[in-house]
N, C-alpha and C. Protein backbone atom coordinates (compact mmCIF):
# COMPACT_ATOMS: atom_id res chain seq x y z
N UNK A 1 37.52 46.72 6.94
CA UNK A 1 35.93 46.71 6.55
C UNK A 1 35.71 45.50 6.05
N UNK A 2 37.06 44.60 5.49
CA UNK A 2 36.85 43.43 4.79
C UNK A 2 36.67 42.03 5.81
N UNK A 3 37.46 42.26 6.93
CA UNK A 3 36.84 41.35 8.47
C UNK A 3 35.46 41.46 8.72
N UNK A 4 34.28 42.85 8.80
CA UNK A 4 33.62 43.08 9.30
C UNK A 4 32.62 42.72 8.43
N UNK A 5 32.68 42.83 6.66
CA UNK A 5 31.76 42.22 5.43
C UNK A 5 32.05 40.41 5.64
N UNK A 6 33.22 40.61 6.26
CA UNK A 6 33.31 38.29 6.02
C UNK A 6 32.47 38.44 7.44
N UNK A 7 32.65 38.42 7.56
CA UNK A 7 31.21 37.76 9.64
C UNK A 7 30.16 38.24 8.84
N UNK A 8 29.19 39.10 8.04
CA UNK A 8 27.89 39.66 7.49
C UNK A 8 28.34 38.38 7.03
N UNK A 9 28.67 38.01 6.10
CA UNK A 9 28.68 37.23 4.86
C UNK A 9 28.08 35.61 5.78
N UNK A 10 29.03 35.57 6.29
CA UNK A 10 29.05 34.85 7.59
C UNK A 10 27.84 35.05 8.32
N UNK A 11 27.42 35.46 8.62
CA UNK A 11 25.86 35.71 9.68
C UNK A 11 25.22 34.95 8.09
N UNK A 12 24.60 36.07 7.66
CA UNK A 12 23.82 35.42 6.17
C UNK A 12 23.32 34.57 5.65
N UNK A 13 24.83 33.37 5.37
CA UNK A 13 25.12 32.12 4.69
C UNK A 13 24.60 31.17 5.80
N UNK A 14 24.79 31.96 6.92
CA UNK A 14 24.50 30.56 7.87
C UNK A 14 22.35 30.86 8.44
N UNK A 15 21.87 32.59 7.57
CA UNK A 15 20.29 32.92 7.88
C UNK A 15 19.39 31.53 7.13
N UNK A 16 18.08 31.05 8.15
CA UNK A 16 17.37 30.88 7.08
C UNK A 16 16.80 31.16 6.41
N UNK A 17 16.70 31.97 5.87
CA UNK A 17 16.79 32.71 4.19
C UNK A 17 18.14 32.09 2.88
N UNK A 18 18.94 31.97 3.32
CA UNK A 18 19.86 31.41 2.99
C UNK A 18 20.13 30.77 1.71
N UNK A 19 19.10 29.85 1.59
CA UNK A 19 18.91 28.66 0.68
C UNK A 19 18.22 29.61 -0.80
N UNK A 20 16.99 30.36 -0.25
CA UNK A 20 16.49 31.37 -1.50
C UNK A 20 17.52 31.91 -1.99
N UNK A 21 18.51 32.57 -0.83
CA UNK A 21 18.96 33.50 -1.81
C UNK A 21 20.76 32.99 -3.01
N UNK A 22 21.09 31.99 -2.22
CA UNK A 22 21.95 30.71 -3.28
C UNK A 22 20.83 30.75 -5.00
N UNK A 23 19.84 30.10 -3.94
CA UNK A 23 18.95 29.19 -5.68
C UNK A 23 18.31 30.55 -6.45
N UNK A 24 18.37 31.92 -5.54
CA UNK A 24 18.52 33.43 -6.56
C UNK A 24 19.24 33.67 -7.29
N UNK A 25 20.46 33.67 -6.58
CA UNK A 25 21.66 34.48 -6.67
C UNK A 25 22.56 33.05 -8.01
N UNK A 26 22.38 31.81 -8.05
CA UNK A 26 23.09 31.07 -8.90
C UNK A 26 21.01 31.27 -10.68
N UNK A 27 20.05 31.25 -10.03
CA UNK A 27 19.49 30.86 -10.81
C UNK A 27 19.38 32.95 -11.99
N UNK A 28 19.85 34.05 -11.83
CA UNK A 28 19.96 35.30 -12.02
C UNK A 28 21.01 35.21 -13.06
N UNK A 29 22.46 34.33 -12.29
CA UNK A 29 23.23 34.59 -12.66
C UNK A 29 23.45 34.04 -14.08
N UNK A 30 22.60 32.92 -14.10
CA UNK A 30 22.96 32.61 -15.30
C UNK A 30 22.56 33.65 -16.82
N UNK A 31 21.97 33.60 -16.13
CA UNK A 31 20.70 34.72 -17.61
C UNK A 31 21.39 36.33 -17.70
N UNK A 32 21.50 37.10 -16.55
CA UNK A 32 21.38 38.31 -16.28
C UNK A 32 22.21 39.26 -14.69
N UNK A 33 22.38 38.56 -14.39
CA UNK A 33 22.72 38.46 -12.50
C UNK A 33 24.44 38.71 -13.16
N UNK A 34 25.68 39.75 -12.70
CA UNK A 34 26.97 40.24 -13.10
C UNK A 34 27.92 39.18 -11.39
N UNK A 35 27.44 38.83 -11.10
CA UNK A 35 27.69 37.76 -10.01
C UNK A 35 27.65 36.79 -9.81
N UNK A 36 28.96 35.76 -9.18
CA UNK A 36 28.75 34.75 -9.53
C UNK A 36 27.94 33.38 -7.96
N UNK A 37 26.95 32.71 -8.03
CA UNK A 37 26.77 32.76 -6.99
C UNK A 37 27.81 31.67 -6.09
N UNK A 38 29.15 31.66 -6.84
CA UNK A 38 29.76 31.05 -5.82
C UNK A 38 30.33 31.82 -3.75
N UNK A 39 30.16 33.70 -4.73
CA UNK A 39 29.91 34.63 -3.53
C UNK A 39 28.45 33.91 -2.32
N UNK A 40 27.75 33.61 -2.07
CA UNK A 40 26.49 32.28 -1.58
C UNK A 40 26.97 31.51 -0.95
N UNK A 41 27.56 30.54 -2.74
CA UNK A 41 28.14 29.43 -2.26
C UNK A 41 28.62 28.75 -0.83
N UNK A 42 30.17 28.92 -1.15
CA UNK A 42 31.22 29.22 -0.52
C UNK A 42 30.97 29.49 1.15
N UNK A 43 30.44 30.45 1.48
CA UNK A 43 30.22 30.99 3.10
C UNK A 43 29.21 30.00 2.83
N UNK A 44 28.15 29.61 2.51
CA UNK A 44 27.23 28.77 3.49
C UNK A 44 28.12 27.64 3.55
N UNK A 45 28.84 26.71 2.73
CA UNK A 45 29.05 25.32 2.87
C UNK A 45 31.13 25.33 4.01
N UNK A 46 30.89 26.43 3.85
CA UNK A 46 31.95 26.60 5.24
C UNK A 46 31.25 27.22 6.13
N UNK A 47 29.94 27.71 6.61
CA UNK A 47 29.06 27.80 7.71
C UNK A 47 28.70 26.75 7.92
N UNK A 48 27.68 26.13 7.35
CA UNK A 48 27.42 24.47 7.61
C UNK A 48 28.21 22.83 6.32
N UNK A 49 28.87 23.47 6.83
CA UNK A 49 30.48 21.73 5.89
C UNK A 49 28.22 20.57 5.96
N UNK A 50 28.34 20.36 7.05
CA UNK A 50 26.87 18.85 6.09
C UNK A 50 25.86 18.99 5.47
N UNK A 51 25.90 20.16 4.84
CA UNK A 51 24.44 21.09 3.96
C UNK A 51 25.05 20.49 2.70
N UNK A 52 27.04 20.91 2.64
CA UNK A 52 27.74 21.53 1.13
C UNK A 52 27.40 20.62 -0.19
N UNK A 53 26.75 19.01 -0.06
CA UNK A 53 25.82 18.51 -1.26
C UNK A 53 24.21 18.90 -1.25
N UNK A 54 23.83 19.81 0.08
CA UNK A 54 21.96 20.01 -0.82
C UNK A 54 22.88 21.39 -1.28
N UNK A 55 23.77 21.57 -1.27
CA UNK A 55 24.23 23.98 -1.69
C UNK A 55 24.32 23.39 -2.37
N UNK A 56 25.74 22.77 -3.16
CA UNK A 56 25.09 21.88 -5.12
C UNK A 56 24.73 21.32 -5.55
N UNK A 57 23.49 21.21 -4.71
CA UNK A 57 22.41 20.50 -6.05
C UNK A 57 21.91 22.45 -6.20
N UNK A 58 21.34 22.19 -4.67
CA UNK A 58 20.57 23.60 -4.35
C UNK A 58 21.11 23.95 -6.58
N UNK A 59 22.69 25.21 -6.11
CA UNK A 59 22.90 25.66 -7.18
C UNK A 59 23.00 25.54 -8.32
N UNK A 60 23.78 24.40 -8.62
CA UNK A 60 23.71 23.36 -10.02
C UNK A 60 21.63 23.62 -10.71
N UNK A 61 20.79 23.55 -9.73
CA UNK A 61 18.99 23.02 -10.37
C UNK A 61 19.22 25.09 -10.79
N UNK A 62 19.09 25.82 -9.62
CA UNK A 62 18.99 27.29 -9.95
C UNK A 62 19.64 27.84 -11.11
N UNK A 63 20.99 26.83 -11.89
CA UNK A 63 22.23 27.85 -12.14
C UNK A 63 21.10 27.11 -13.75
N UNK A 64 21.05 26.21 -13.92
CA UNK A 64 20.56 25.79 -15.57
C UNK A 64 19.47 25.42 -15.53
N UNK A 65 17.83 26.52 -14.62
CA UNK A 65 16.79 26.90 -14.85
C UNK A 65 17.36 28.05 -15.05
N UNK A 66 18.14 29.34 -15.07
CA UNK A 66 17.35 30.53 -14.55
C UNK A 66 18.86 30.65 -16.38
N UNK A 67 20.29 29.19 -16.93
CA UNK A 67 20.25 29.01 -17.79
C UNK A 67 18.96 29.28 -19.80
N UNK A 68 18.04 28.33 -19.13
CA UNK A 68 17.13 28.46 -20.07
C UNK A 68 16.67 30.39 -20.74
N UNK A 69 16.60 30.66 -19.12
CA UNK A 69 16.09 31.88 -19.65
C UNK A 69 16.70 32.73 -20.33
N UNK A 70 17.92 32.77 -20.31
CA UNK A 70 19.52 33.71 -20.50
C UNK A 70 19.49 32.60 -21.95
N UNK A 71 19.06 31.52 -22.52
CA UNK A 71 18.73 31.10 -23.69
C UNK A 71 17.28 31.43 -24.63
N UNK A 72 16.70 31.38 -23.72
CA UNK A 72 15.00 32.23 -24.39
C UNK A 72 15.41 33.41 -24.37
N UNK A 73 16.49 34.76 -24.25
CA UNK A 73 16.47 35.77 -23.69
C UNK A 73 17.28 36.00 -25.41
N UNK A 74 17.77 34.82 -25.68
CA UNK A 74 19.00 35.13 -26.93
C UNK A 74 18.46 34.46 -28.20
N UNK A 75 17.00 33.61 -28.15
CA UNK A 75 16.23 32.67 -28.98
C UNK A 75 15.34 33.89 -29.39
N UNK A 76 14.58 34.27 -27.84
CA UNK A 76 13.49 35.04 -28.43
C UNK A 76 13.57 36.53 -28.87
N UNK A 77 14.95 36.87 -28.45
CA UNK A 77 15.61 38.87 -28.21
C UNK A 77 16.14 39.42 -29.89
N UNK A 78 16.78 38.03 -29.85
CA UNK A 78 18.31 38.06 -30.96
C UNK A 78 16.84 39.00 -32.11
N UNK A 79 15.44 38.02 -33.38
CA UNK A 79 14.94 38.88 -34.54
C UNK A 79 14.04 39.80 -34.07
N UNK A 80 13.74 40.66 -33.19
CA UNK A 80 13.81 42.16 -33.04
C UNK A 80 14.96 43.32 -33.39
N UNK A 81 16.15 42.57 -31.80
CA UNK A 81 16.77 43.23 -31.64
C UNK A 81 18.35 43.10 -32.26
N UNK A 82 19.16 41.82 -32.54
CA UNK A 82 19.82 41.52 -32.96
C UNK A 82 20.39 41.49 -34.45
N UNK A 83 19.19 40.25 -34.89
CA UNK A 83 18.77 40.33 -36.38
C UNK A 83 19.63 42.71 -37.38
N UNK A 84 18.70 43.46 -36.69
CA UNK A 84 18.41 44.51 -37.34
C UNK A 84 19.65 45.29 -36.80
N UNK A 85 19.80 44.98 -35.79
CA UNK A 85 21.59 45.75 -35.71
C UNK A 85 22.45 44.67 -36.86
N UNK A 86 22.78 43.88 -36.76
CA UNK A 86 23.32 43.24 -37.30
C UNK A 86 23.01 43.11 -38.81
N UNK A 87 21.73 43.76 -39.51
CA UNK A 87 21.33 44.39 -41.19
C UNK A 87 22.08 45.15 -40.81
N UNK A 88 22.23 45.79 -40.39
CA UNK A 88 21.99 47.40 -40.85
C UNK A 88 23.66 48.20 -40.98
N UNK A 89 24.50 46.97 -39.82
CA UNK A 89 26.10 46.75 -39.60
C UNK A 89 27.02 45.70 -41.21
N UNK A 90 25.80 45.17 -41.88
CA UNK A 90 26.51 44.14 -42.94
C UNK A 90 27.92 43.05 -41.91
N UNK A 91 26.21 43.06 -41.74
CA UNK A 91 27.58 41.57 -40.71
C UNK A 91 26.54 39.90 -40.86
N UNK A 92 25.47 40.08 -41.84
CA UNK A 92 24.78 39.02 -41.33
C UNK A 92 25.65 37.35 -42.06
N UNK A 93 26.28 37.82 -42.31
CA UNK A 93 27.38 36.50 -42.94
C UNK A 93 28.36 36.24 -42.59
N UNK A 94 28.57 37.34 -41.73
CA UNK A 94 29.71 37.11 -40.61
C UNK A 94 29.30 36.46 -39.58
N UNK A 95 27.78 36.36 -39.06
CA UNK A 95 26.76 35.38 -38.36
C UNK A 95 26.56 34.51 -38.61
N UNK A 96 26.03 33.74 -39.84
CA UNK A 96 25.58 32.42 -40.11
C UNK A 96 26.82 31.65 -40.33
N UNK A 97 28.74 32.62 -40.74
CA UNK A 97 29.45 31.80 -40.11
C UNK A 97 29.76 31.31 -38.45
N UNK A 98 29.96 32.11 -37.89
CA UNK A 98 29.81 31.98 -35.96
C UNK A 98 28.31 30.77 -35.45
N UNK A 99 27.61 30.73 -36.26
CA UNK A 99 26.69 30.76 -35.82
C UNK A 99 26.53 29.02 -35.92
N UNK A 100 27.47 28.66 -37.96
CA UNK A 100 27.91 27.71 -37.77
C UNK A 100 28.64 26.70 -37.10
N UNK A 101 29.36 27.55 -36.35
CA UNK A 101 31.17 27.50 -35.46
C UNK A 101 30.16 27.11 -34.38
N UNK A 102 28.96 28.35 -33.64
CA UNK A 102 28.81 27.39 -32.34
C UNK A 102 28.36 25.53 -32.43
N UNK A 103 27.44 25.86 -33.44
CA UNK A 103 26.09 24.79 -33.09
C UNK A 103 27.29 23.84 -33.54
N UNK A 104 28.67 23.93 -34.05
CA UNK A 104 29.40 22.35 -34.75
C UNK A 104 30.16 21.98 -32.26
N UNK A 105 31.34 23.51 -32.10
CA UNK A 105 31.06 23.41 -30.69
C UNK A 105 30.73 23.60 -29.11
N UNK A 106 29.64 23.98 -29.59
CA UNK A 106 28.43 24.48 -28.57
C UNK A 106 28.43 23.58 -27.64
N UNK A 107 27.83 22.50 -27.82
CA UNK A 107 27.60 21.98 -26.35
C UNK A 107 29.67 21.73 -25.50
N UNK A 108 31.29 22.07 -26.57
CA UNK A 108 32.12 22.25 -25.52
C UNK A 108 31.94 23.72 -24.96
N UNK A 109 31.89 24.73 -24.98
CA UNK A 109 31.67 25.26 -25.14
C UNK A 109 30.67 25.66 -23.91
N UNK A 110 29.82 25.56 -24.67
CA UNK A 110 28.65 25.73 -22.80
C UNK A 110 29.65 25.00 -21.70
N UNK A 111 29.65 24.02 -22.25
CA UNK A 111 30.67 23.06 -20.58
C UNK A 111 31.73 23.69 -20.07
N UNK A 112 32.55 24.19 -21.59
CA UNK A 112 34.00 24.39 -21.02
C UNK A 112 33.50 26.41 -19.93
N UNK A 113 33.21 26.78 -20.63
CA UNK A 113 32.50 28.17 -19.94
C UNK A 113 31.78 28.65 -18.54
N UNK A 114 30.95 27.20 -18.83
CA UNK A 114 30.03 26.77 -17.69
C UNK A 114 30.99 26.30 -15.89
N UNK A 115 31.72 25.90 -16.40
CA UNK A 115 32.87 25.50 -15.25
C UNK A 115 33.83 26.64 -14.95
N UNK A 116 33.98 28.06 -15.61
CA UNK A 116 34.78 28.29 -15.24
C UNK A 116 34.12 30.15 -14.61
N UNK A 117 34.88 30.92 -14.02
CA UNK A 117 35.02 32.00 -13.93
C UNK A 117 34.69 33.24 -15.16
N UNK A 118 33.90 32.79 -16.43
CA UNK A 118 33.35 33.28 -17.84
C UNK A 118 32.19 33.41 -17.00
N UNK A 119 31.73 34.54 -17.52
CA UNK A 119 29.66 34.68 -16.73
C UNK A 119 29.16 34.12 -17.98
N UNK A 120 28.45 33.26 -17.58
CA UNK A 120 27.70 31.99 -17.03
C UNK A 120 26.61 33.44 -18.62
N UNK A 121 25.86 34.04 -17.90
CA UNK A 121 25.14 34.26 -19.12
C UNK A 121 24.99 34.11 -20.73
N UNK A 122 26.67 34.91 -20.95
CA UNK A 122 27.74 35.67 -22.13
C UNK A 122 27.00 33.78 -23.13
N UNK A 123 27.66 32.86 -22.18
CA UNK A 123 27.44 31.21 -22.88
C UNK A 123 25.53 31.02 -23.54
N UNK A 124 24.86 31.31 -22.25
CA UNK A 124 23.58 30.64 -22.10
C UNK A 124 22.28 31.71 -23.69
N UNK A 125 23.05 33.00 -23.71
CA UNK A 125 22.44 34.18 -24.48
C UNK A 125 23.00 33.51 -25.41
N UNK A 126 23.84 33.52 -26.05
CA UNK A 126 24.69 33.08 -27.05
C UNK A 126 24.11 32.06 -27.85
N UNK A 127 24.10 31.23 -26.42
CA UNK A 127 23.50 29.84 -27.74
C UNK A 127 21.96 29.78 -27.74
N UNK A 128 20.96 30.27 -27.17
CA UNK A 128 19.94 31.21 -28.11
C UNK A 128 20.12 31.31 -28.52
N UNK A 129 21.33 32.47 -29.29
CA UNK A 129 21.87 34.11 -30.01
C UNK A 129 21.76 33.06 -31.98
N UNK A 130 22.45 31.38 -30.98
CA UNK A 130 22.62 30.47 -32.27
C UNK A 130 22.12 29.59 -33.03
N UNK A 131 20.74 29.57 -31.42
CA UNK A 131 19.66 28.36 -31.82
C UNK A 131 20.77 26.99 -31.54
N UNK A 132 21.29 26.92 -30.62
CA UNK A 132 22.13 25.82 -29.75
C UNK A 132 20.90 24.39 -30.24
N UNK A 133 21.34 23.41 -29.78
CA UNK A 133 20.23 21.84 -30.07
C UNK A 133 20.13 22.26 -28.48
N UNK A 134 18.11 22.74 -27.59
CA UNK A 134 18.68 22.80 -26.35
C UNK A 134 17.91 21.60 -25.54
N UNK A 135 18.67 20.22 -26.46
CA UNK A 135 18.76 19.18 -25.41
C UNK A 135 20.36 19.59 -25.50
N UNK A 136 20.98 19.69 -26.19
CA UNK A 136 22.37 19.60 -25.81
C UNK A 136 23.50 21.03 -25.28
N UNK A 137 21.85 22.22 -25.67
CA UNK A 137 22.86 23.02 -24.42
C UNK A 137 22.75 22.57 -22.51
N UNK A 138 21.16 21.78 -22.67
CA UNK A 138 20.95 21.50 -21.18
C UNK A 138 22.06 20.61 -20.76
N UNK A 139 22.15 19.74 -21.35
CA UNK A 139 23.00 18.18 -20.89
C UNK A 139 24.40 19.39 -20.10
N UNK A 140 24.69 20.12 -21.71
CA UNK A 140 26.53 20.93 -21.60
C UNK A 140 26.59 21.60 -20.11
N UNK A 141 24.61 22.37 -19.43
CA UNK A 141 24.56 23.42 -19.01
C UNK A 141 25.21 22.43 -17.77
N UNK A 142 23.93 21.53 -17.34
CA UNK A 142 23.84 20.49 -16.31
C UNK A 142 25.06 19.82 -16.11
N UNK A 143 25.75 19.89 -16.97
CA UNK A 143 27.31 18.77 -16.71
C UNK A 143 27.99 19.90 -15.79
N UNK A 144 28.32 21.18 -16.92
CA UNK A 144 29.08 21.75 -16.18
C UNK A 144 29.13 23.02 -14.88
N UNK A 145 28.29 22.80 -14.56
CA UNK A 145 27.76 23.75 -12.96
C UNK A 145 27.38 22.79 -12.73
N UNK A 146 27.44 21.53 -12.39
CA UNK A 146 26.89 20.64 -12.08
C UNK A 146 29.21 19.61 -10.94
N UNK A 147 29.14 20.12 -12.20
CA UNK A 147 31.26 19.31 -11.92
C UNK A 147 32.01 21.34 -11.08
N UNK A 148 31.00 22.16 -11.66
CA UNK A 148 32.11 23.14 -10.73
C UNK A 148 31.09 23.40 -10.15
N UNK A 149 30.09 23.13 -9.57
CA UNK A 149 29.13 23.53 -7.57
C UNK A 149 29.53 22.21 -6.94
N UNK A 150 29.96 20.49 -7.53
CA UNK A 150 29.74 19.76 -6.62
C UNK A 150 31.90 19.94 -6.48
N UNK A 151 32.63 20.66 -6.89
CA UNK A 151 33.37 20.10 -6.36
C UNK A 151 34.02 21.59 -5.50
N UNK A 152 33.12 22.52 -5.57
CA UNK A 152 33.39 23.53 -4.71
C UNK A 152 33.09 22.72 -3.19
N UNK A 153 31.70 21.83 -3.16
CA UNK A 153 31.21 21.22 -1.94
C UNK A 153 32.08 20.24 -1.69
N UNK A 154 32.45 19.67 -3.04
CA UNK A 154 33.45 18.64 -1.87
C UNK A 154 34.70 18.96 -1.70
N UNK A 155 35.57 19.99 -2.29
CA UNK A 155 36.53 20.81 -1.25
C UNK A 155 36.16 21.18 -0.03
N UNK A 156 35.30 22.36 -0.19
CA UNK A 156 34.66 22.84 1.02
C UNK A 156 34.14 21.03 2.13
N UNK A 157 33.88 21.04 1.47
CA UNK A 157 33.79 19.01 2.77
C UNK A 157 35.02 19.08 3.39
N UNK A 158 35.75 18.21 2.38
CA UNK A 158 36.62 18.07 3.22
C UNK A 158 37.40 18.54 3.69
N UNK A 159 37.92 19.67 3.01
CA UNK A 159 39.21 20.37 3.99
C UNK A 159 38.60 22.26 4.43
N UNK A 160 37.30 22.09 4.80
CA UNK A 160 36.24 22.85 5.36
C UNK A 160 37.38 23.97 6.80
N UNK A 161 37.28 23.52 7.76
CA UNK A 161 37.47 23.96 8.45
C UNK A 161 39.41 24.77 7.95
N UNK A 162 40.45 24.05 7.37
CA UNK A 162 41.29 24.68 6.88
C UNK A 162 40.99 25.67 5.94
N UNK A 163 40.49 25.73 5.17
CA UNK A 163 40.80 26.94 4.33
C UNK A 163 39.58 28.12 4.59
N UNK A 164 38.56 27.20 5.69
CA UNK A 164 38.13 28.61 7.58
C UNK A 164 39.15 29.43 7.60
N UNK A 165 40.03 28.71 7.14
CA UNK A 165 41.21 29.19 8.51
C UNK A 165 41.97 30.39 7.83
N UNK A 166 42.34 29.71 6.44
CA UNK A 166 43.52 29.91 6.20
C UNK A 166 42.75 32.03 4.99
N UNK A 167 41.12 31.94 4.78
CA UNK A 167 40.28 32.90 4.75
C UNK A 167 40.72 34.07 5.54
N UNK A 168 40.27 33.94 6.95
CA UNK A 168 40.06 34.30 7.61
C UNK A 168 41.56 35.20 7.85
N UNK A 169 42.76 34.05 7.91
CA UNK A 169 43.91 34.84 7.89
C UNK A 169 44.63 36.07 7.04
N UNK A 170 44.49 34.84 5.87
CA UNK A 170 44.25 36.18 4.74
C UNK A 170 43.12 36.21 3.40
N UNK A 171 42.46 37.19 4.23
CA UNK A 171 41.10 37.62 3.56
C UNK A 171 41.02 38.46 2.32
N UNK A 172 42.45 39.53 3.10
CA UNK A 172 42.72 40.31 1.75
C UNK A 172 43.72 39.71 0.32
N UNK A 173 44.31 38.85 0.38
CA UNK A 173 44.87 38.13 -0.49
C UNK A 173 43.46 36.97 -1.14
N UNK A 174 42.87 36.65 -0.09
CA UNK A 174 41.39 36.06 -1.37
C UNK A 174 40.88 36.96 -1.81
N UNK A 175 40.39 37.83 -1.32
CA UNK A 175 39.21 38.55 -1.58
C UNK A 175 39.46 38.83 -2.74
N UNK A 176 41.40 39.88 -3.33
CA UNK A 176 41.61 39.91 -4.42
C UNK A 176 41.75 38.93 -5.64
N UNK A 177 42.58 38.34 -5.24
CA UNK A 177 42.30 37.14 -5.72
C UNK A 177 40.22 36.63 -6.05
N UNK A 178 39.52 36.43 -5.29
CA UNK A 178 37.45 36.66 -6.14
C UNK A 178 38.09 37.71 -7.59
N UNK A 179 38.10 39.30 -6.80
CA UNK A 179 38.32 39.65 -7.63
C UNK A 179 38.54 39.92 -9.22
N UNK A 180 40.33 39.39 -9.04
CA UNK A 180 40.52 39.42 -10.63
C UNK A 180 40.26 38.63 -11.48
N UNK A 181 39.16 37.00 -10.91
CA UNK A 181 39.00 35.18 -11.72
C UNK A 181 37.77 36.87 -12.14
N UNK A 182 36.97 37.14 -11.54
CA UNK A 182 36.16 37.71 -11.64
C UNK A 182 35.70 38.92 -12.63
N UNK A 183 36.82 39.48 -12.73
CA UNK A 183 37.58 40.45 -13.78
C UNK A 183 37.48 41.03 -14.61
N UNK A 184 38.72 39.56 -14.45
CA UNK A 184 39.09 38.56 -16.01
C UNK A 184 38.05 37.98 -16.80
N UNK A 185 37.31 37.27 -16.12
CA UNK A 185 36.31 37.06 -16.99
C UNK A 185 35.59 37.84 -18.09
N UNK A 186 35.11 38.57 -17.05
CA UNK A 186 34.39 40.31 -17.74
C UNK A 186 35.35 40.81 -19.38
N UNK A 187 36.66 40.73 -18.31
CA UNK A 187 37.64 40.70 -20.14
C UNK A 187 37.41 40.19 -20.08
N UNK A 188 36.90 38.84 -20.25
CA UNK A 188 37.27 37.64 -21.26
C UNK A 188 36.71 37.81 -22.73
N UNK A 189 35.17 38.19 -21.62
CA UNK A 189 33.93 38.54 -22.43
C UNK A 189 34.66 39.74 -24.33
N UNK A 190 35.39 40.91 -23.14
CA UNK A 190 35.31 41.63 -24.08
C UNK A 190 36.38 41.02 -25.76
N UNK A 191 37.40 40.06 -25.55
CA UNK A 191 38.01 39.71 -26.40
C UNK A 191 37.17 38.63 -27.36
N UNK A 192 35.87 38.26 -26.82
CA UNK A 192 35.24 37.05 -27.85
C UNK A 192 34.58 38.11 -28.41
């Protein structure tokens, strides 16, 4: 079954609408969608290595645009949903301390979590809630997402065929590792 799914994914990655799908996944992952754009980016680059840089640029641009939506969700919905809950439970003082800390370290937090498998939407929404400076947020998001997607693109462009052969020979192992990283990112959310 994994082999069929892999072959189907590779076929979709070479499809003429794959770039639109990559842009859509990259955009919504930064605000609401739980699956990282890497599930599209990797097979697309493996299918067409000559387009690695264009795919990385597209994923970066769409991800940063989506990050603005996540920021907006945190910024605009906090007063209607978040604040009443915090006041009800008596946590406004703790939130004020969180907001101060987040604004002091926010650029580094956005950058760090933007290059990891940690769900980026958590950081984008938290940035809006904490009202992190929008310019700082955008620059940190752009730096992090560029670094993440261009490193992936560079490695796959350079070592594409051996990587593809490795994935095809050890598909179950690769799937397990990717799922562990994804689930680890969600588990980390619970502890933060």
